[in-house]
Structure formats: structure tokens, C-alpha cells
């Protein structure tokens, strides 16, 4: 007795006869290799983040969320990732956490930059720790009349 062809199963788990084409054939053109970007337009996202960070004037700061918002995004963590990988050539100390704290493990170097630029700071009662005085130091590109059409977003 000849071997009977095995039935395959559809995506829903329903057996399909071997002589019938699968319900969902593979696409003719496979998708490009590699993960999809987490942020739309991610190839340009890093350049856009860099442009916004370069626009922050000395003595002022933006939060990771502020930078993302200027780009029409809520991806503050993606901004942090760009800064971690590409920020060494940027004024990285001008991008802070939402509570006005500098990037972790860069507190001493950031303090040197902030003092040199005259960034408003707040000190703890015992002068052991500091943070940015956000109401005085926070900056937005729109404060200087910039708009999204000034070269950092699509």
C-alpha cells in the first residue's frame, strides 16, 4: 500500500489535505532581514534627536521626554538610547531625567559643564547632592521661535 501524503495544518490548526494549497501561502517577496524599528522613521530618529540636542542653548536643559515630544513622539527611552550610543559628540549634559537629575554615572562631569554654563541648580540641604532647577533651566525650541519645520522632523 502506497504511503498516504500527510495533511498539513492551517494557522487555525485545521487539517488541510495534502493536495490543496495552504490557506496562507508564504509571501513571494520575503520581508527584509533584521528587526523593525521601534520608532517610525528610526533611521532618521537619531539625526533628529541630535539636531534638537544641539539646539539647546548653554545654561538650559531638556528632558528625554521633551526631546521626544519636539519630534512628535512619546519615545523618551528611544531618545535615551540615542544619547547613550551617539551622544558623546553632543552636549549630552543638557538632556536630563524628568526630575532634573543628570544621566546616571555622569553626575560629576555633568556638574562641571552645568557650572561652566551657569545652569540654574538646586542643592540638597547638606549640599551633598544636586539637580537642575527645572522651572528656571528648562528650554523648549518654541521658546526661541523654532518650529518643527526647522529641520529636525519630517
Foldseek 3Di string as FASTA:
>chain_A
DDDADAFDAAPVRHTDHPVDDHPDDDDPDDDDDDDDDPDVVVVLQLVLLQVQQQPQDQQAAAELCLSQVLQVHRPSVVSVVSCVVPVPVGLQLRYDHPVQQGPPPCRVVSVVSNVVRVHAKDADPVRPDIGGPCVPRYDHPVVVPDHSVPPRYD
